[in-house]
Amino acid sequence: MTIAEIQQEIMRMKKEQDVCILAHAYQGQEILEVADYMGDSYGLSVQASKSNCKGMIMCGVRFMAETVKILSPEKTVYLSNPIAGC
């Protein structure tokens, strides 16, 4: 599968699963291209709290996902790499 095909599948699945992708600015271009929001950790948490999506995928480190959950306790938060740390 090519990167473009993977990205298309991710876009399809985001709609199907009602999730948004939050990507910290240091992520690779391939991830940033499919992200719904890009920015710093706090900014992403604020964006997540404003989103109508029921799920959030954090492409960053653990504390960022924890901050999203604190600001959006009703949403399901997934961490793309559970062992990612600072």
C-alpha atoms as a PDB file:
ATOM      1  CA  MET A   1       0.000   0.000   0.000  1.00  0.00           C
ATOM      2  CA  THR A   2       1.271   3.467  -0.805  1.00  0.00           C
ATOM      3  CA  ILE A   3       1.278   6.387   1.642  1.00  0.00           C
ATOM      4  CA  ALA A   4      -1.536   8.007  -0.345  1.00  0.00           C
ATOM      5  CA  GLU A   5      -3.659   4.848  -0.128  1.00  0.00           C
ATOM      6  CA  ILE A   6      -3.074   4.599   3.620  1.00  0.00           C
ATOM      7  CA  GLN A   7      -4.027   8.251   4.020  1.00  0.00           C
ATOM      8  CA  GLN A   8      -7.233   7.698   2.031  1.00  0.00           C
ATOM      9  CA  GLU A   9      -8.126   4.760   4.272  1.00  0.00           C
ATOM     10  CA  ILE A  10      -7.452   6.845   7.378  1.00  0.00           C
ATOM     11  CA  MET A  11      -9.720   9.614   6.085  1.00  0.00           C
ATOM     12  CA  ARG A  12     -12.479   7.082   5.398  1.00  0.00           C
ATOM     13  CA  MET A  13     -12.144   5.508   8.833  1.00  0.00           C
ATOM     14  CA  LYS A  14     -12.153   8.877  10.612  1.00  0.00           C
ATOM     15  CA  LYS A  15     -15.612   9.592   9.238  1.00  0.00           C
ATOM     16  CA  GLU A  16     -16.848   6.069   9.877  1.00  0.00           C
ATOM     17  CA  GLN A  17     -15.634   6.021  13.491  1.00  0.00           C
ATOM     18  CA  ASP A  18     -16.394   9.704  14.265  1.00  0.00           C
ATOM     19  CA  VAL A  19     -12.861  10.509  15.406  1.00  0.00           C
ATOM     20  CA  CYS A  20     -10.519  13.445  14.929  1.00  0.00           C
ATOM     21  CA  ILE A  21      -6.765  13.247  14.688  1.00  0.00           C
ATOM     22  CA  LEU A  22      -4.772  15.685  16.807  1.00  0.00           C
ATOM     23  CA  ALA A  23      -1.154  15.981  15.694  1.00  0.00           C
ATOM     24  CA  HIS A  24       1.605  17.780  17.526  1.00  0.00           C
ATOM     25  CA  ALA A  25       3.645  20.009  15.216  1.00  0.00           C
ATOM     26  CA  TYR A  26       6.671  17.684  15.340  1.00  0.00           C
ATOM     27  CA  GLN A  27       4.844  14.790  13.644  1.00  0.00           C
ATOM     28  CA  GLY A  28       5.831  13.697  10.146  1.00  0.00           C
ATOM     29  CA  GLN A  29       4.264  15.267   7.088  1.00  0.00           C
ATOM     30  CA  GLU A  30       2.287  12.093   6.308  1.00  0.00           C
ATOM     31  CA  ILE A  31       0.487  12.381   9.640  1.00  0.00           C
ATOM     32  CA  LEU A  32       0.015  16.142   9.461  1.00  0.00           C
ATOM     33  CA  GLU A  33      -1.730  15.709   6.103  1.00  0.00           C
ATOM     34  CA  VAL A  34      -4.504  13.573   7.638  1.00  0.00           C
ATOM     35  CA  ALA A  35      -4.751  15.445  10.939  1.00  0.00           C
ATOM     36  CA  ASP A  36      -7.814  17.506  11.742  1.00  0.00           C
ATOM     37  CA  TYR A  37      -5.866  19.775  14.067  1.00  0.00           C
ATOM     38  CA  MET A  38      -2.166  20.535  14.351  1.00  0.00           C
ATOM     39  CA  GLY A  39      -0.446  22.587  17.001  1.00  0.00           C
ATOM     40  CA  ASP A  40       1.044  22.572  20.469  1.00  0.00           C
ATOM     41  CA  SER A  41      -0.195  20.394  23.302  1.00  0.00           C
ATOM     42  CA  TYR A  42      -2.524  22.905  24.966  1.00  0.00           C
ATOM     43  CA  GLY A  43      -3.902  24.207  21.681  1.00  0.00           C
ATOM     44  CA  LEU A  44      -4.742  20.674  20.580  1.00  0.00           C
ATOM     45  CA  SER A  45      -6.557  20.025  23.853  1.00  0.00           C
ATOM     46  CA  VAL A  46      -8.656  23.147  23.402  1.00  0.00           C
ATOM     47  CA  GLN A  47      -9.479  22.180  19.799  1.00  0.00           C
ATOM     48  CA  ALA A  48     -10.503  18.717  20.971  1.00  0.00           C
ATOM     49  CA  SER A  49     -12.877  20.199  23.539  1.00  0.00           C
ATOM     50  CA  LYS A  50     -14.579  22.216  20.777  1.00  0.00           C
ATOM     51  CA  SER A  51     -14.882  19.271  18.380  1.00  0.00           C
ATOM     52  CA  ASN A  52     -18.143  17.382  17.960  1.00  0.00           C
ATOM     53  CA  CYS A  53     -16.302  14.098  17.341  1.00  0.00           C
ATOM     54  CA  LYS A  54     -16.824  11.417  19.976  1.00  0.00           C
ATOM     55  CA  GLY A  55     -13.236  10.171  19.755  1.00  0.00           C
ATOM     56  CA  MET A  56      -9.799  11.767  19.577  1.00  0.00           C
ATOM     57  CA  ILE A  57      -6.565  10.212  18.368  1.00  0.00           C
ATOM     58  CA  MET A  58      -3.557  12.013  19.821  1.00  0.00           C
ATOM     59  CA  CYS A  59      -0.395  11.836  17.757  1.00  0.00           C
ATOM     60  CA  GLY A  60       1.946  13.072  20.431  1.00  0.00           C
ATOM     61  CA  VAL A  61       3.093  12.066  23.899  1.00  0.00           C
ATOM     62  CA  ARG A  62       1.121  10.698  26.831  1.00  0.00           C
ATOM     63  CA  PHE A  63       0.647  13.918  28.794  1.00  0.00           C
ATOM     64  CA  MET A  64      -0.961  15.482  25.714  1.00  0.00           C
ATOM     65  CA  ALA A  65      -3.575  12.734  25.557  1.00  0.00           C
ATOM     66  CA  GLU A  66      -4.140  13.114  29.301  1.00  0.00           C
ATOM     67  CA  THR A  67      -4.739  16.850  28.869  1.00  0.00           C
ATOM     68  CA  VAL A  68      -7.254  16.164  26.089  1.00  0.00           C
ATOM     69  CA  LYS A  69      -9.103  13.776  28.413  1.00  0.00           C
ATOM     70  CA  ILE A  70      -9.143  16.323  31.241  1.00  0.00           C
ATOM     71  CA  LEU A  71     -10.695  18.987  28.990  1.00  0.00           C
ATOM     72  CA  SER A  72     -13.027  16.484  27.262  1.00  0.00           C
ATOM     73  CA  PRO A  73     -13.958  13.823  29.823  1.00  0.00           C
ATOM     74  CA  GLU A  74     -16.933  12.637  27.768  1.00  0.00           C
ATOM     75  CA  LYS A  75     -14.758  11.724  24.762  1.00  0.00           C
ATOM     76  CA  THR A  76     -12.726   8.612  24.130  1.00  0.00           C
ATOM     77  CA  VAL A  77      -9.046   9.494  23.737  1.00  0.00           C
ATOM     78  CA  TYR A  78      -6.594   7.202  21.979  1.00  0.00           C
ATOM     79  CA  LEU A  79      -2.846   7.650  22.065  1.00  0.00           C
ATOM     80  CA  SER A  80      -1.302   6.581  18.756  1.00  0.00           C
ATOM     81  CA  ASN A  81       1.844   5.344  20.525  1.00  0.00           C
ATOM     82  CA  PRO A  82       1.092   4.375  24.153  1.00  0.00           C
ATOM     83  CA  ILE A  83       4.768   4.398  25.165  1.00  0.00           C
ATOM     84  CA  ALA A  84       5.460   7.852  23.715  1.00  0.00           C
ATOM     85  CA  GLY A  85       6.978  10.098  26.344  1.00  0.00           C
ATOM     86  CA  CYS A  86       9.075  13.197  26.660  1.00  0.00           C
END
